[in-house]
Amino acid sequence: MDPNFKRLRYCRYADDFLIGIIGSKEEAREAMASVERFLTETLKLAISPEKSGIQAASKGVTFLGYRIAAYTSYGGGRRSNRKGPAARTWRITGRPTTGNISLRVQRKRITEFCKRNGYGDLAKKTGRAREQFLVTSDSATVLAYNSEFRGFANYYSFADDNKRALGVLELVVFRSLIKTLALRHRTTRARTMARLWKGTDYEVSSVVRGKLRTIKLWRLKHLTRTFWISPVIDDVTRGAWWVRNSNDLIERLNARRCEACGGTTGPFEMHHLRRVRELRSGSLIVWKRSGWRRKTIVLCPSYRATVSGREHSHMESRVHRKGARTVWREA
């Protein structure tokens, strides 16, 4: 309780920083003036007047997508047990505490995320089918939805109200996924939900190299609040990169033999015989659908690194002729 004791907290990410001071407003102004002088004279940088200022901790401030504010925890109704001799127990009302820092999720960020990914209407709690996934497999679609929603929820895993704030978003994401899969298979949403429900979670199954593999739909109940130990927080998850690939996930996992050299050691890659820019015409949906349906060939990385352009072209033409003969015989 020493009036001369001051405490300062400092947090920085890239060019954004936040300074918390236990003191008067005049002391906060002195600290801000000192920071501006250091940035201007030493680092030759300018502070944005629109994004900078002094704010009371009780009113809160926005920092890195979080709403940070101090609140008072009142002791009414909060009790703690105290044990004494002869196994006696007393219930003591807890005292109120002030200056508790709370991190909360911004409603604006949730709305922007939902609109940017095209999940649906957050206010009406309705989902929308996403046309870009109508030509992908169920496993790749669920993997993409998991990567997007899990990454957003993990970023706000520090928030005190993360599950309460993201509950409506989870509902809209789930309804969007169900509508997308139902439209792809030309069935109802009720039948799609019944097909994916496996007792405790929603799952999709696929056969990869003769073994049954399942992918669970990620939900908020799987979120665990942990401290972020990595300094990099904007990494694109592996699932998001997989679904961005122009080949289907299940086809790449089932590839077991190089069609050029006959090798079986792997790993294998799927390559197209026609370039995407040769197929691009019309809207984005038409272009993406044609890109997924074009003819592919399985190659191993060693052959792709050593083969020359002439040999590669000859191999492509040979596969084209082979594919044409196969189609003609089946017809």
C-alpha atoms as a PDB file:
ATOM      1  CA  MET A   1       0.000   0.000   0.000  1.00  0.00           C
ATOM      2  CA  ASP A   2       2.992   2.307  -0.383  1.00  0.00           C
ATOM      3  CA  PRO A   3       1.813   5.350  -2.407  1.00  0.00           C
ATOM      4  CA  ASN A   4       5.264   5.599  -3.982  1.00  0.00           C
ATOM      5  CA  PHE A   5       5.188   2.031  -5.295  1.00  0.00           C
ATOM      6  CA  LYS A   6       4.378   1.849  -9.018  1.00  0.00           C
ATOM      7  CA  ARG A   7       3.852  -1.126 -11.260  1.00  0.00           C
ATOM      8  CA  LEU A   8       4.098  -1.287 -15.046  1.00  0.00           C
ATOM      9  CA  ARG A   9       3.249  -4.104 -17.463  1.00  0.00           C
ATOM     10  CA  TYR A  10       4.382  -4.122 -21.077  1.00  0.00           C
ATOM     11  CA  CYS A  11       3.290  -6.369 -23.929  1.00  0.00           C
ATOM     12  CA  ARG A  12       4.298  -6.097 -27.590  1.00  0.00           C
ATOM     13  CA  TYR A  13       3.488  -7.995 -30.786  1.00  0.00           C
ATOM     14  CA  ALA A  14       5.151  -6.679 -33.979  1.00  0.00           C
ATOM     15  CA  ASP A  15       4.450  -2.913 -34.038  1.00  0.00           C
ATOM     16  CA  ASP A  16       1.523  -3.058 -31.593  1.00  0.00           C
ATOM     17  CA  PHE A  17       2.194  -2.682 -27.883  1.00  0.00           C
ATOM     18  CA  LEU A  18       0.205  -2.137 -24.724  1.00  0.00           C
ATOM     19  CA  ILE A  19       1.420  -0.581 -21.464  1.00  0.00           C
ATOM     20  CA  GLY A  20      -0.492  -1.022 -18.228  1.00  0.00           C
ATOM     21  CA  ILE A  21       0.244   1.292 -15.307  1.00  0.00           C
ATOM     22  CA  ILE A  22      -0.974   1.263 -11.719  1.00  0.00           C
ATOM     23  CA  GLY A  23      -0.971   4.975 -11.047  1.00  0.00           C
ATOM     24  CA  SER A  24      -2.604   8.272 -11.821  1.00  0.00           C
ATOM     25  CA  LYS A  25      -3.622   9.588 -15.217  1.00  0.00           C
ATOM     26  CA  GLU A  26      -0.852  12.167 -15.054  1.00  0.00           C
ATOM     27  CA  GLU A  27       1.730   9.420 -14.663  1.00  0.00           C
ATOM     28  CA  ALA A  28       0.222   7.622 -17.651  1.00  0.00           C
ATOM     29  CA  ARG A  29       0.608  10.813 -19.711  1.00  0.00           C
ATOM     30  CA  GLU A  30       4.259  11.105 -18.676  1.00  0.00           C
ATOM     31  CA  ALA A  31       4.899   7.486 -19.722  1.00  0.00           C
ATOM     32  CA  MET A  32       3.183   8.016 -23.079  1.00  0.00           C
ATOM     33  CA  ALA A  33       5.164  11.199 -23.745  1.00  0.00           C
ATOM     34  CA  SER A  34       8.391   9.356 -22.949  1.00  0.00           C
ATOM     35  CA  VAL A  35       7.473   6.528 -25.331  1.00  0.00           C
ATOM     36  CA  GLU A  36       6.574   8.937 -28.140  1.00  0.00           C
ATOM     37  CA  ARG A  37       9.848  10.805 -27.665  1.00  0.00           C
ATOM     38  CA  PHE A  38      11.853   7.575 -27.815  1.00  0.00           C
ATOM     39  CA  LEU A  39      10.068   6.334 -30.947  1.00  0.00           C
ATOM     40  CA  THR A  40      10.379   9.676 -32.724  1.00  0.00           C
ATOM     41  CA  GLU A  41      13.935  10.643 -31.835  1.00  0.00           C
ATOM     42  CA  THR A  42      15.686   7.285 -31.436  1.00  0.00           C
ATOM     43  CA  LEU A  43      13.797   4.863 -33.694  1.00  0.00           C
ATOM     44  CA  LYS A  44      12.586   7.481 -36.208  1.00  0.00           C
ATOM     45  CA  LEU A  45       9.039   6.115 -36.058  1.00  0.00           C
ATOM     46  CA  ALA A  46       5.679   7.870 -35.849  1.00  0.00           C
ATOM     47  CA  ILE A  47       2.774   6.875 -33.624  1.00  0.00           C
ATOM     48  CA  SER A  48      -0.680   6.644 -35.173  1.00  0.00           C
ATOM     49  CA  PRO A  49      -2.990   9.107 -33.346  1.00  0.00           C
ATOM     50  CA  GLU A  50      -6.067   7.067 -34.294  1.00  0.00           C
ATOM     51  CA  LYS A  51      -4.772   3.856 -32.684  1.00  0.00           C
ATOM     52  CA  SER A  52      -3.000   5.371 -29.682  1.00  0.00           C
ATOM     53  CA  GLY A  53      -4.278   6.951 -26.504  1.00  0.00           C
ATOM     54  CA  ILE A  54      -4.790   6.665 -22.763  1.00  0.00           C
ATOM     55  CA  GLN A  55      -7.751   4.684 -21.471  1.00  0.00           C
ATOM     56  CA  ALA A  56      -8.944   3.730 -18.014  1.00  0.00           C
ATOM     57  CA  ALA A  57      -8.546   0.038 -17.269  1.00  0.00           C
ATOM     58  CA  SER A  58     -12.169  -0.214 -16.157  1.00  0.00           C
ATOM     59  CA  LYS A  59     -13.359   0.935 -19.614  1.00  0.00           C
ATOM     60  CA  GLY A  60     -11.079  -1.489 -21.414  1.00  0.00           C
ATOM     61  CA  VAL A  61      -8.981  -1.394 -24.557  1.00  0.00           C
ATOM     62  CA  THR A  62      -8.711  -3.466 -27.747  1.00  0.00           C
ATOM     63  CA  PHE A  63      -5.391  -5.251 -28.306  1.00  0.00           C
ATOM     64  CA  LEU A  64      -4.660  -7.983 -30.881  1.00  0.00           C
ATOM     65  CA  GLY A  65      -8.324  -8.814 -31.293  1.00  0.00           C
ATOM     66  CA  TYR A  66      -8.925  -9.139 -27.538  1.00  0.00           C
ATOM     67  CA  ARG A  67     -10.987  -6.857 -25.352  1.00  0.00           C
ATOM     68  CA  ILE A  68      -8.879  -6.269 -22.225  1.00  0.00           C
ATOM     69  CA  ALA A  69     -10.458  -4.617 -19.187  1.00  0.00           C
ATOM     70  CA  ALA A  70     -10.258  -4.609 -15.389  1.00  0.00           C
ATOM     71  CA  TYR A  71     -13.232  -5.584 -13.271  1.00  0.00           C
ATOM     72  CA  THR A  72     -14.180  -6.020  -9.615  1.00  0.00           C
ATOM     73  CA  SER A  73     -15.019  -9.465  -8.298  1.00  0.00           C
ATOM     74  CA  TYR A  74     -17.583  -9.053  -5.533  1.00  0.00           C
ATOM     75  CA  GLY A  75     -17.680 -11.548  -2.687  1.00  0.00           C
ATOM     76  CA  GLY A  76     -21.432 -11.921  -2.373  1.00  0.00           C
ATOM     77  CA  GLY A  77     -22.322 -15.571  -2.728  1.00  0.00           C
ATOM     78  CA  ARG A  78     -18.695 -16.661  -3.024  1.00  0.00           C
ATOM     79  CA  ARG A  79     -17.659 -18.788  -0.053  1.00  0.00           C
ATOM     80  CA  SER A  80     -14.613 -20.779   0.952  1.00  0.00           C
ATOM     81  CA  ASN A  81     -14.272 -23.550   3.521  1.00  0.00           C
ATOM     82  CA  ARG A  82     -12.050 -23.288   6.575  1.00  0.00           C
ATOM     83  CA  LYS A  83     -11.267 -26.371   8.646  1.00  0.00           C
ATOM     84  CA  GLY A  84     -10.565 -26.278  12.364  1.00  0.00           C
ATOM     85  CA  PRO A  85      -9.987 -28.686  15.235  1.00  0.00           C
ATOM     86  CA  ALA A  86     -12.280 -31.667  15.784  1.00  0.00           C
ATOM     87  CA  ALA A  87     -13.037 -31.772  12.040  1.00  0.00           C
ATOM     88  CA  ARG A  88     -15.153 -28.627  12.261  1.00  0.00           C
ATOM     89  CA  THR A  89     -15.710 -26.609   9.091  1.00  0.00           C
ATOM     90  CA  TRP A  90     -16.610 -22.931   8.685  1.00  0.00           C
ATOM     91  CA  ARG A  91     -17.957 -21.248   5.562  1.00  0.00           C
ATOM     92  CA  ILE A  92     -16.440 -17.810   5.106  1.00  0.00           C
ATOM     93  CA  THR A  93     -17.635 -15.288   2.541  1.00  0.00           C
ATOM     94  CA  GLY A  94     -14.858 -14.291   0.161  1.00  0.00           C
ATOM     95  CA  ARG A  95     -13.794 -10.651   0.049  1.00  0.00           C
ATOM     96  CA  PRO A  96     -14.221  -8.636  -3.186  1.00  0.00           C
ATOM     97  CA  THR A  97     -11.115  -8.081  -5.279  1.00  0.00           C
ATOM     98  CA  THR A  98     -10.442  -5.172  -7.616  1.00  0.00           C
ATOM     99  CA  GLY A  99      -8.204  -4.767 -10.638  1.00  0.00           C
ATOM    100  CA  ASN A 100      -8.824  -8.247 -12.061  1.00  0.00           C
ATOM    101  CA  ILE A 101      -7.826  -8.307 -15.730  1.00  0.00           C
ATOM    102  CA  SER A 102     -10.295  -9.973 -18.089  1.00  0.00           C
ATOM    103  CA  LEU A 103      -9.642 -10.999 -21.702  1.00  0.00           C
ATOM    104  CA  ARG A 104     -12.736 -11.289 -23.876  1.00  0.00           C
ATOM    105  CA  VAL A 105     -13.471 -12.081 -27.494  1.00  0.00           C
ATOM    106  CA  GLN A 106     -14.512  -9.187 -29.698  1.00  0.00           C
ATOM    107  CA  ARG A 107     -17.937  -9.616 -31.264  1.00  0.00           C
ATOM    108  CA  LYS A 108     -16.671  -7.718 -34.314  1.00  0.00           C
ATOM    109  CA  ARG A 109     -13.941 -10.294 -34.971  1.00  0.00           C
ATOM    110  CA  ILE A 110     -16.444 -13.167 -34.802  1.00  0.00           C
ATOM    111  CA  THR A 111     -18.748 -11.471 -37.294  1.00  0.00           C
ATOM    112  CA  GLU A 112     -15.876 -10.712 -39.684  1.00  0.00           C
ATOM    113  CA  PHE A 113     -14.593 -14.299 -39.516  1.00  0.00           C
ATOM    114  CA  CYS A 114     -18.044 -15.730 -40.242  1.00  0.00           C
ATOM    115  CA  LYS A 115     -18.598 -13.372 -43.169  1.00  0.00           C
ATOM    116  CA  ARG A 116     -15.108 -13.859 -44.612  1.00  0.00           C
ATOM    117  CA  ASN A 117     -15.499 -17.640 -44.787  1.00  0.00           C
ATOM    118  CA  GLY A 118     -19.118 -17.537 -45.967  1.00  0.00           C
ATOM    119  CA  TYR A 119     -20.566 -19.707 -43.192  1.00  0.00           C
ATOM    120  CA  GLY A 120     -23.923 -17.953 -43.045  1.00  0.00           C
ATOM    121  CA  ASP A 121     -25.843 -15.377 -41.037  1.00  0.00           C
ATOM    122  CA  LEU A 122     -24.560 -15.082 -37.479  1.00  0.00           C
ATOM    123  CA  ALA A 123     -27.487 -12.967 -36.271  1.00  0.00           C
ATOM    124  CA  LYS A 124     -30.123 -15.387 -37.565  1.00  0.00           C
ATOM    125  CA  LYS A 125     -28.026 -18.478 -36.655  1.00  0.00           C
ATOM    126  CA  THR A 126     -28.446 -19.924 -40.148  1.00  0.00           C
ATOM    127  CA  GLY A 127     -25.767 -21.714 -42.159  1.00  0.00           C
ATOM    128  CA  ARG A 128     -25.064 -21.513 -45.875  1.00  0.00           C
ATOM    129  CA  ALA A 129     -23.742 -24.174 -48.233  1.00  0.00           C
ATOM    130  CA  ARG A 130     -20.264 -23.351 -49.559  1.00  0.00           C
ATOM    131  CA  GLU A 131     -20.058 -24.084 -53.257  1.00  0.00           C
ATOM    132  CA  GLN A 132     -16.273 -24.462 -53.335  1.00  0.00           C
ATOM    133  CA  PHE A 133     -16.596 -27.753 -51.410  1.00  0.00           C
ATOM    134  CA  LEU A 134     -19.251 -29.341 -53.612  1.00  0.00           C
ATOM    135  CA  VAL A 135     -16.569 -31.069 -55.707  1.00  0.00           C
ATOM    136  CA  THR A 136     -14.398 -32.261 -52.798  1.00  0.00           C
ATOM    137  CA  SER A 137     -14.696 -35.427 -50.733  1.00  0.00           C
ATOM    138  CA  ASP A 138     -16.374 -35.465 -47.327  1.00  0.00           C
ATOM    139  CA  SER A 139     -13.056 -36.040 -45.572  1.00  0.00           C
ATOM    140  CA  ALA A 140     -11.403 -33.041 -47.231  1.00  0.00           C
ATOM    141  CA  THR A 141     -14.435 -30.869 -46.492  1.00  0.00           C
ATOM    142  CA  VAL A 142     -14.531 -31.762 -42.793  1.00  0.00           C
ATOM    143  CA  LEU A 143     -10.762 -31.320 -42.604  1.00  0.00           C
ATOM    144  CA  ALA A 144     -11.056 -27.803 -44.039  1.00  0.00           C
ATOM    145  CA  TYR A 145     -13.864 -26.841 -41.652  1.00  0.00           C
ATOM    146  CA  ASN A 146     -11.877 -28.206 -38.709  1.00  0.00           C
ATOM    147  CA  SER A 147      -8.752 -26.269 -39.664  1.00  0.00           C
ATOM    148  CA  GLU A 148     -10.592 -22.972 -40.042  1.00  0.00           C
ATOM    149  CA  PHE A 149     -12.735 -23.116 -36.916  1.00  0.00           C
ATOM    150  CA  ARG A 150     -10.104 -24.749 -34.693  1.00  0.00           C
ATOM    151  CA  GLY A 151      -7.502 -22.146 -35.655  1.00  0.00           C
ATOM    152  CA  PHE A 152      -9.869 -19.278 -34.837  1.00  0.00           C
ATOM    153  CA  ALA A 153     -10.934 -20.829 -31.517  1.00  0.00           C
ATOM    154  CA  ASN A 154      -7.357 -21.622 -30.496  1.00  0.00           C
ATOM    155  CA  TYR A 155      -6.346 -18.000 -31.053  1.00  0.00           C
ATOM    156  CA  TYR A 156      -8.965 -16.958 -28.491  1.00  0.00           C
ATOM    157  CA  SER A 157      -8.211 -19.799 -26.091  1.00  0.00           C
ATOM    158  CA  PHE A 158      -6.843 -17.229 -23.614  1.00  0.00           C
ATOM    159  CA  ALA A 159     -10.185 -15.403 -23.400  1.00  0.00           C
ATOM    160  CA  ASP A 160     -12.265 -15.870 -20.279  1.00  0.00           C
ATOM    161  CA  ASP A 161     -15.469 -16.117 -22.308  1.00  0.00           C
ATOM    162  CA  ASN A 162     -14.143 -18.092 -25.289  1.00  0.00           C
ATOM    163  CA  LYS A 163     -16.690 -20.910 -25.279  1.00  0.00           C
ATOM    164  CA  ARG A 164     -19.598 -18.652 -24.415  1.00  0.00           C
ATOM    165  CA  ALA A 165     -18.674 -16.105 -27.104  1.00  0.00           C
ATOM    166  CA  LEU A 166     -17.973 -18.698 -29.823  1.00  0.00           C
ATOM    167  CA  GLY A 167     -21.044 -20.848 -29.174  1.00  0.00           C
ATOM    168  CA  VAL A 168     -23.202 -19.183 -31.834  1.00  0.00           C
ATOM    169  CA  LEU A 169     -20.339 -19.300 -34.344  1.00  0.00           C
ATOM    170  CA  GLU A 170     -19.958 -23.042 -33.720  1.00  0.00           C
ATOM    171  CA  LEU A 171     -23.654 -23.544 -34.474  1.00  0.00           C
ATOM    172  CA  VAL A 172     -23.462 -21.576 -37.744  1.00  0.00           C
ATOM    173  CA  VAL A 173     -20.304 -23.455 -38.834  1.00  0.00           C
ATOM    174  CA  PHE A 174     -21.953 -26.802 -38.102  1.00  0.00           C
ATOM    175  CA  ARG A 175     -25.100 -25.911 -40.047  1.00  0.00           C
ATOM    176  CA  SER A 176     -22.997 -24.696 -42.959  1.00  0.00           C
ATOM    177  CA  LEU A 177     -21.111 -28.012 -43.057  1.00  0.00           C
ATOM    178  CA  ILE A 178     -24.313 -30.063 -42.927  1.00  0.00           C
ATOM    179  CA  LYS A 179     -25.883 -28.024 -45.726  1.00  0.00           C
ATOM    180  CA  THR A 180     -22.745 -28.368 -47.855  1.00  0.00           C
ATOM    181  CA  LEU A 181     -22.592 -32.162 -47.472  1.00  0.00           C
ATOM    182  CA  ALA A 182     -26.334 -32.542 -47.980  1.00  0.00           C
ATOM    183  CA  LEU A 183     -26.212 -30.509 -51.196  1.00  0.00           C
ATOM    184  CA  ARG A 184     -23.210 -32.468 -52.443  1.00  0.00           C
ATOM    185  CA  HIS A 185     -24.934 -35.844 -51.925  1.00  0.00           C
ATOM    186  CA  ARG A 186     -28.374 -34.516 -52.940  1.00  0.00           C
ATOM    187  CA  THR A 187     -30.034 -35.548 -49.702  1.00  0.00           C
ATOM    188  CA  THR A 188     -31.630 -33.915 -46.669  1.00  0.00           C
ATOM    189  CA  ARG A 189     -29.831 -32.361 -43.723  1.00  0.00           C
ATOM    190  CA  ALA A 190     -31.498 -34.773 -41.292  1.00  0.00           C
ATOM    191  CA  ARG A 191     -30.164 -37.784 -43.178  1.00  0.00           C
ATOM    192  CA  THR A 192     -26.724 -36.218 -43.404  1.00  0.00           C
ATOM    193  CA  MET A 193     -26.620 -35.638 -39.651  1.00  0.00           C
ATOM    194  CA  ALA A 194     -27.781 -39.189 -38.983  1.00  0.00           C
ATOM    195  CA  ARG A 195     -25.094 -40.557 -41.302  1.00  0.00           C
ATOM    196  CA  LEU A 196     -22.309 -38.604 -39.589  1.00  0.00           C
ATOM    197  CA  TRP A 197     -23.421 -39.192 -35.986  1.00  0.00           C
ATOM    198  CA  LYS A 198     -21.343 -41.918 -34.304  1.00  0.00           C
ATOM    199  CA  GLY A 199     -22.667 -41.922 -30.758  1.00  0.00           C
ATOM    200  CA  THR A 200     -20.638 -39.091 -29.220  1.00  0.00           C
ATOM    201  CA  ASP A 201     -19.278 -37.096 -32.179  1.00  0.00           C
ATOM    202  CA  TYR A 202     -19.878 -36.391 -35.825  1.00  0.00           C
ATOM    203  CA  GLU A 203     -17.409 -38.271 -38.031  1.00  0.00           C
ATOM    204  CA  VAL A 204     -16.670 -39.010 -41.671  1.00  0.00           C
ATOM    205  CA  SER A 205     -15.018 -42.262 -42.730  1.00  0.00           C
ATOM    206  CA  SER A 206     -12.920 -43.207 -45.748  1.00  0.00           C
ATOM    207  CA  VAL A 207     -10.826 -46.180 -46.782  1.00  0.00           C
ATOM    208  CA  VAL A 208      -7.129 -45.340 -47.217  1.00  0.00           C
ATOM    209  CA  ARG A 209      -4.804 -48.148 -48.357  1.00  0.00           C
ATOM    210  CA  GLY A 210      -7.246 -50.775 -47.214  1.00  0.00           C
ATOM    211  CA  LYS A 211      -7.733 -49.329 -43.726  1.00  0.00           C
ATOM    212  CA  LEU A 212     -10.720 -47.424 -42.406  1.00  0.00           C
ATOM    213  CA  ARG A 213      -9.868 -43.914 -41.234  1.00  0.00           C
ATOM    214  CA  THR A 214     -12.204 -41.472 -39.526  1.00  0.00           C
ATOM    215  CA  ILE A 215     -12.048 -37.706 -39.093  1.00  0.00           C
ATOM    216  CA  LYS A 216     -14.048 -36.181 -36.266  1.00  0.00           C
ATOM    217  CA  LEU A 217     -15.774 -32.847 -36.565  1.00  0.00           C
ATOM    218  CA  TRP A 218     -13.911 -30.459 -34.245  1.00  0.00           C
ATOM    219  CA  ARG A 219     -16.132 -28.700 -31.728  1.00  0.00           C
ATOM    220  CA  LEU A 220     -15.698 -26.322 -28.821  1.00  0.00           C
ATOM    221  CA  LYS A 221     -15.820 -29.171 -26.321  1.00  0.00           C
ATOM    222  CA  HIS A 222     -12.424 -30.257 -27.674  1.00  0.00           C
ATOM    223  CA  LEU A 223     -10.880 -26.842 -26.922  1.00  0.00           C
ATOM    224  CA  THR A 224      -8.378 -26.797 -24.066  1.00  0.00           C
ATOM    225  CA  ARG A 225      -7.079 -23.565 -22.601  1.00  0.00           C
ATOM    226  CA  THR A 226      -3.301 -23.744 -22.746  1.00  0.00           C
ATOM    227  CA  PHE A 227      -0.513 -21.210 -22.864  1.00  0.00           C
ATOM    228  CA  TRP A 228       0.916 -20.514 -26.301  1.00  0.00           C
ATOM    229  CA  ILE A 229       4.576 -21.519 -26.255  1.00  0.00           C
ATOM    230  CA  SER A 230       5.348 -20.707 -29.888  1.00  0.00           C
ATOM    231  CA  PRO A 231       6.205 -17.114 -30.873  1.00  0.00           C
ATOM    232  CA  VAL A 232       4.494 -17.683 -34.238  1.00  0.00           C
ATOM    233  CA  ILE A 233       0.701 -17.495 -33.986  1.00  0.00           C
ATOM    234  CA  ASP A 234      -0.305 -16.933 -37.628  1.00  0.00           C
ATOM    235  CA  ASP A 235       0.727 -20.301 -39.055  1.00  0.00           C
ATOM    236  CA  VAL A 236      -1.655 -21.811 -41.589  1.00  0.00           C
ATOM    237  CA  THR A 237      -2.636 -25.235 -40.319  1.00  0.00           C
ATOM    238  CA  ARG A 238      -1.689 -28.336 -42.279  1.00  0.00           C
ATOM    239  CA  GLY A 239      -5.308 -29.188 -42.955  1.00  0.00           C
ATOM    240  CA  ALA A 240      -5.876 -25.819 -44.600  1.00  0.00           C
ATOM    241  CA  TRP A 241      -2.891 -26.379 -46.913  1.00  0.00           C
ATOM    242  CA  TRP A 242      -4.116 -29.856 -47.832  1.00  0.00           C
ATOM    243  CA  VAL A 243      -7.511 -28.648 -48.895  1.00  0.00           C
ATOM    244  CA  ARG A 244      -5.941 -25.830 -50.943  1.00  0.00           C
ATOM    245  CA  ASN A 245      -4.144 -28.439 -53.010  1.00  0.00           C
ATOM    246  CA  SER A 246      -5.721 -29.101 -56.389  1.00  0.00           C
ATOM    247  CA  ASN A 247      -5.830 -32.886 -55.729  1.00  0.00           C
ATOM    248  CA  ASP A 248      -8.222 -34.662 -53.436  1.00  0.00           C
ATOM    249  CA  LEU A 249      -6.847 -35.814 -50.083  1.00  0.00           C
ATOM    250  CA  ILE A 250      -8.073 -39.412 -50.326  1.00  0.00           C
ATOM    251  CA  GLU A 251      -6.623 -39.853 -53.842  1.00  0.00           C
ATOM    252  CA  ARG A 252      -3.198 -38.702 -52.671  1.00  0.00           C
ATOM    253  CA  LEU A 253      -3.265 -41.061 -49.666  1.00  0.00           C
ATOM    254  CA  ASN A 254      -4.300 -44.045 -51.804  1.00  0.00           C
ATOM    255  CA  ALA A 255      -1.473 -43.553 -54.340  1.00  0.00           C
ATOM    256  CA  ARG A 256       0.962 -46.470 -53.936  1.00  0.00           C
ATOM    257  CA  ARG A 257       2.882 -46.755 -57.215  1.00  0.00           C
ATOM    258  CA  CYS A 258       4.667 -44.275 -59.464  1.00  0.00           C
ATOM    259  CA  GLU A 259       3.158 -44.463 -62.949  1.00  0.00           C
ATOM    260  CA  ALA A 260       6.436 -43.309 -64.579  1.00  0.00           C
ATOM    261  CA  CYS A 261       9.193 -45.408 -62.994  1.00  0.00           C
ATOM    262  CA  GLY A 262       7.100 -48.061 -61.228  1.00  0.00           C
ATOM    263  CA  GLY A 263       8.583 -47.332 -57.800  1.00  0.00           C
ATOM    264  CA  THR A 264       6.614 -48.297 -54.705  1.00  0.00           C
ATOM    265  CA  THR A 265       8.712 -46.740 -51.927  1.00  0.00           C
ATOM    266  CA  GLY A 266       6.953 -43.370 -51.946  1.00  0.00           C
ATOM    267  CA  PRO A 267       5.954 -40.823 -50.896  1.00  0.00           C
ATOM    268  CA  PHE A 268       3.947 -40.031 -54.006  1.00  0.00           C
ATOM    269  CA  GLU A 269       2.570 -36.874 -55.561  1.00  0.00           C
ATOM    270  CA  MET A 270      -0.377 -36.283 -57.853  1.00  0.00           C
ATOM    271  CA  HIS A 271       0.410 -34.254 -60.985  1.00  0.00           C
ATOM    272  CA  HIS A 272      -1.952 -32.975 -63.636  1.00  0.00           C
ATOM    273  CA  LEU A 273      -1.440 -33.539 -67.323  1.00  0.00           C
ATOM    274  CA  ARG A 274      -2.948 -30.171 -68.156  1.00  0.00           C
ATOM    275  CA  ARG A 275      -2.125 -26.882 -66.508  1.00  0.00           C
ATOM    276  CA  VAL A 276      -4.742 -25.015 -64.549  1.00  0.00           C
ATOM    277  CA  ARG A 277      -4.331 -21.846 -66.612  1.00  0.00           C
ATOM    278  CA  GLU A 278      -5.324 -23.816 -69.707  1.00  0.00           C
ATOM    279  CA  LEU A 279      -8.642 -24.708 -68.059  1.00  0.00           C
ATOM    280  CA  ARG A 280      -9.415 -21.390 -66.430  1.00  0.00           C
ATOM    281  CA  SER A 281     -12.524 -19.822 -67.896  1.00  0.00           C
ATOM    282  CA  GLY A 282     -15.762 -18.483 -66.511  1.00  0.00           C
ATOM    283  CA  SER A 283     -16.446 -18.119 -62.795  1.00  0.00           C
ATOM    284  CA  LEU A 284     -14.226 -19.317 -59.963  1.00  0.00           C
ATOM    285  CA  ILE A 285     -16.529 -22.248 -59.147  1.00  0.00           C
ATOM    286  CA  VAL A 286     -16.440 -23.534 -62.739  1.00  0.00           C
ATOM    287  CA  TRP A 287     -12.667 -23.173 -62.866  1.00  0.00           C
ATOM    288  CA  LYS A 288     -12.163 -24.988 -59.545  1.00  0.00           C
ATOM    289  CA  ARG A 289     -14.498 -27.810 -60.564  1.00  0.00           C
ATOM    290  CA  SER A 290     -12.666 -28.311 -63.865  1.00  0.00           C
ATOM    291  CA  GLY A 291      -9.316 -28.213 -62.050  1.00  0.00           C
ATOM    292  CA  TRP A 292     -10.344 -31.001 -59.681  1.00  0.00           C
ATOM    293  CA  ARG A 293     -11.721 -33.200 -62.459  1.00  0.00           C
ATOM    294  CA  ARG A 294      -8.797 -33.013 -64.889  1.00  0.00           C
ATOM    295  CA  LYS A 295      -6.670 -36.086 -65.559  1.00  0.00           C
ATOM    296  CA  THR A 296      -3.937 -36.829 -62.989  1.00  0.00           C
ATOM    297  CA  ILE A 297      -0.844 -39.033 -62.803  1.00  0.00           C
ATOM    298  CA  VAL A 298       0.995 -40.434 -59.775  1.00  0.00           C
ATOM    299  CA  LEU A 299       4.724 -39.580 -59.608  1.00  0.00           C
ATOM    300  CA  CYS A 300       7.415 -40.057 -56.999  1.00  0.00           C
ATOM    301  CA  PRO A 301       9.545 -37.018 -56.009  1.00  0.00           C
ATOM    302  CA  SER A 302      12.784 -38.654 -57.226  1.00  0.00           C
ATOM    303  CA  TYR A 303      11.431 -39.132 -60.744  1.00  0.00           C
ATOM    304  CA  ARG A 304       9.971 -35.637 -60.847  1.00  0.00           C
ATOM    305  CA  ALA A 305      13.343 -34.146 -59.884  1.00  0.00           C
ATOM    306  CA  THR A 306      15.392 -36.070 -62.467  1.00  0.00           C
ATOM    307  CA  VAL A 307      13.104 -36.294 -65.479  1.00  0.00           C
ATOM    308  CA  SER A 308      13.701 -33.806 -68.288  1.00  0.00           C
ATOM    309  CA  GLY A 309      11.043 -31.718 -69.949  1.00  0.00           C
ATOM    310  CA  ARG A 310      11.164 -33.782 -73.140  1.00  0.00           C
ATOM    311  CA  GLU A 311      10.827 -37.073 -71.268  1.00  0.00           C
ATOM    312  CA  HIS A 312       8.026 -35.624 -69.182  1.00  0.00           C
ATOM    313  CA  SER A 313       6.136 -34.518 -72.293  1.00  0.00           C
ATOM    314  CA  HIS A 314       6.651 -37.944 -73.893  1.00  0.00           C
ATOM    315  CA  MET A 315       5.435 -39.636 -70.742  1.00  0.00           C
ATOM    316  CA  GLU A 316       2.352 -37.395 -70.650  1.00  0.00           C
ATOM    317  CA  SER A 317       1.452 -38.190 -74.261  1.00  0.00           C
ATOM    318  CA  ARG A 318       1.935 -41.906 -73.585  1.00  0.00           C
ATOM    319  CA  VAL A 319      -0.364 -41.745 -70.583  1.00  0.00           C
ATOM    320  CA  HIS A 320      -2.891 -39.774 -72.649  1.00  0.00           C
ATOM    321  CA  ARG A 321      -2.926 -42.506 -75.293  1.00  0.00           C
ATOM    322  CA  LYS A 322      -3.110 -45.204 -72.657  1.00  0.00           C
ATOM    323  CA  GLY A 323      -6.006 -43.440 -70.956  1.00  0.00           C
ATOM    324  CA  ALA A 324      -7.828 -43.037 -74.284  1.00  0.00           C
ATOM    325  CA  ARG A 325      -7.479 -46.758 -75.056  1.00  0.00           C
ATOM    326  CA  THR A 326      -8.752 -47.646 -71.610  1.00  0.00           C
ATOM    327  CA  VAL A 327     -11.797 -45.439 -71.960  1.00  0.00           C
ATOM    328  CA  TRP A 328     -12.483 -46.829 -75.461  1.00  0.00           C
ATOM    329  CA  ARG A 329     -12.351 -50.424 -74.208  1.00  0.00           C
ATOM    330  CA  GLU A 330     -14.636 -49.692 -71.265  1.00  0.00           C
ATOM    331  CA  ALA A 331     -17.086 -47.980 -73.598  1.00  0.00           C
END
